Protein backbone atom coordinates (compact mmCIF):
# COMPACT_ATOMS: atom_id res chain seq x y z
CA MET A 1 0.00 0.00 0.00
CA ASN A 2 1.22 3.42 -0.96
CA TRP A 3 1.59 6.22 1.68
CA LEU A 4 -0.65 8.44 -0.48
CA ASN A 5 -3.50 5.99 -0.13
CA LYS A 6 -2.99 5.15 3.56
CA ARG A 7 -6.06 6.00 5.59
CA VAL A 8 -6.24 7.45 9.10
CA ARG A 9 -9.71 7.38 10.72
CA GLY A 10 -11.32 7.25 7.32
CA PHE A 11 -9.30 10.04 5.68
CA ARG A 12 -6.40 9.63 3.35
CA LEU A 13 -3.05 10.76 4.82
CA VAL A 14 -2.40 13.07 1.87
CA ASP A 15 -5.73 14.82 2.52
CA LEU A 16 -4.81 15.38 6.19
CA VAL A 17 -1.37 16.78 5.24
CA ALA A 18 -2.97 19.10 2.67
CA LEU A 19 -5.53 20.26 5.25
CA GLY A 20 -2.72 20.99 7.75
CA LEU A 21 -0.73 22.94 5.14
CA LEU A 22 -3.85 24.89 4.15
CA THR A 23 -4.50 25.77 7.81
CA VAL A 24 -0.90 26.97 8.27
CA LEU A 25 -1.16 29.01 5.06
CA ILE A 26 -4.45 30.62 6.18
CA LEU A 27 -2.97 31.55 9.56
CA GLY A 28 0.15 32.97 7.87
CA VAL A 29 -1.90 35.15 5.54
CA TYR A 30 -4.09 36.33 8.43
CA LEU A 31 -1.05 37.28 10.53
CA ALA A 32 0.59 39.05 7.58
CA LYS A 33 -2.60 41.03 6.94
CA THR A 34 -2.85 41.99 10.62
CA VAL A 35 0.77 43.18 10.72
CA ALA A 36 0.29 45.10 7.46
CA GLY A 37 -2.81 46.81 8.92
CA ARG A 38 -0.84 47.93 11.96
CA GLU A 39 1.93 49.26 9.74
CA ARG A 40 -0.61 51.08 7.58
CA THR A 41 -2.08 52.71 10.70
CA GLU A 42 1.38 53.76 11.88
CA ILE A 43 2.22 55.21 8.44
CA ALA A 44 -1.04 57.19 8.42
CA ARG A 45 -0.24 58.56 11.91
CA VAL A 46 3.25 59.63 10.83
CA ASP A 47 1.83 61.25 7.67
CA ARG A 48 -0.64 63.26 9.78
CA GLN A 49 2.17 64.30 12.10
CA ILE A 50 4.29 65.42 9.13
CA GLY A 51 1.37 67.48 7.82
CA GLU A 52 0.89 69.13 11.22
CA GLU A 53 4.62 69.91 11.44
CA ARG A 54 4.60 71.43 7.95
CA ALA A 55 1.64 73.63 8.89
CA ARG A 56 3.48 74.72 12.03
CA ILE A 57 6.61 75.50 9.99
CA ARG A 58 4.56 77.65 7.59
CA LEU A 59 3.02 79.47 10.55
CA LEU A 60 6.43 80.11 12.13
CA GLN A 61 7.85 81.31 8.80
CA ALA A 62 4.96 83.76 8.46
CA GLU A 63 5.55 84.98 12.01
CA VAL A 64 9.28 85.45 11.34
CA SER A 65 8.58 87.40 8.15
CA HIS A 66 6.18 89.64 10.10
CA LEU A 67 8.70 90.18 12.92
CA GLU A 68 11.54 90.97 10.48
CA GLN A 69 9.71 93.72 8.56
CA PRO A 70 12.06 96.71 8.36
CA ALA A 71 9.29 99.26 8.99
CA ARG A 72 8.26 97.43 12.17
CA ILE A 73 11.84 97.19 13.43
CA GLU A 74 12.40 100.89 12.72
CA ARG A 75 9.18 101.82 14.55
CA LEU A 76 10.11 99.71 17.59
CA SER A 77 13.69 101.02 17.70
CA GLU A 78 12.40 104.60 17.70
CA ALA A 79 9.75 103.89 20.34
CA TYR A 80 11.72 101.74 22.82
CA LEU A 81 15.39 102.48 22.18
CA GLY A 82 15.23 106.10 21.12
CA LEU A 83 17.10 105.30 17.91
CA ALA A 84 16.53 107.25 14.73
CA PRO A 85 17.81 106.94 11.18
CA VAL A 86 21.33 108.30 10.68
CA SER A 87 21.34 111.83 9.35
CA ILE A 88 23.23 112.57 6.16
CA LYS A 89 25.79 114.62 8.14
CA ARG A 90 26.80 111.55 10.19
CA GLU A 91 27.51 109.30 7.21
CA ALA A 92 31.18 108.67 6.40
CA ASP A 93 32.88 107.68 3.19
CA VAL A 94 35.66 105.11 2.91
CA GLU A 95 38.50 107.67 2.89
CA SER A 96 37.47 109.22 6.22
CA LEU A 97 37.26 105.92 8.15
CA PRO A 98 40.92 105.88 9.37
CA GLU A 99 40.54 109.43 10.70
CA LEU A 100 37.28 108.53 12.50
CA ALA A 101 38.93 105.45 14.02
CA ARG A 102 41.60 107.63 15.70
CA LYS A 103 39.02 109.92 17.39
CA PRO A 104 38.02 109.00 20.96
CA LEU A 105 34.50 107.79 21.51
CA ALA A 106 32.04 110.13 23.20
CA THR A 107 30.78 109.07 26.62
CA PRO A 108 27.09 108.17 26.77
CA ALA A 109 24.70 110.82 28.06
CA THR A 110 23.17 108.46 30.64
CA ALA A 111 24.96 105.73 32.53
CA VAL A 112 24.01 102.22 31.62
CA ALA A 113 23.11 99.98 34.56
CA PRO A 114 24.94 96.65 34.59
CA THR A 115 22.85 93.66 33.70
CA PRO A 116 22.61 91.13 36.53
CA ASP A 117 24.16 87.75 35.87
CA PRO A 118 21.28 85.26 35.46
CA THR A 119 23.57 82.33 36.27
CA ALA A 120 24.60 83.73 39.65
CA VAL A 121 22.84 82.09 42.57
CA ALA A 122 21.45 84.58 45.04
CA ALA A 123 21.93 83.82 48.74
CA PRO A 124 18.68 83.36 50.68
CA ALA A 125 17.62 86.44 52.67
CA GLU A 126 17.25 84.46 55.89
CA PRO A 127 18.32 80.96 56.87
CA LEU A 128 15.90 78.16 56.21
CA PRO A 129 13.93 76.96 59.26
CA GLY A 130 14.90 73.73 60.99
CA PRO A 131 12.76 70.60 60.88
CA THR A 132 9.35 70.91 62.47
CA GLN A 133 7.61 68.43 64.71
CA LEU A 134 5.64 67.18 61.73
CA ALA A 135 8.83 66.41 59.87
CA GLU A 136 10.26 64.64 62.91
CA VAL A 137 7.15 62.48 63.23
CA ALA A 138 7.37 61.52 59.58
CA ARG A 139 10.83 60.02 60.13
């Protein structure tokens, strides 16, 4: 008797092997489809995130272009810093630059206050209190 025609519980052995292979193939396809669906979801999430980041970049670029407008900067420098455009009398040509470099600088009209060092650690005004009874009980 041939192994292809051998019967197990009324079924041919070749039929049982084929059924087993078909079951393994179905499970493999199902698992591959499930994994592909997860990957597709992840790709869609990343694409949405990229779109949101691009919109944010466009918004920031528009804000930078607004903040860098020369008319706005000139208006703010006049209002807050007291700066004004240089008059035609104060402009210098290339030949007069060495002579201007030898002249001493004028002292400012108002003294400039030193900027405090933000990295310096200030000492506390008063010493910190000792442990309280509540803290001692917690130990």
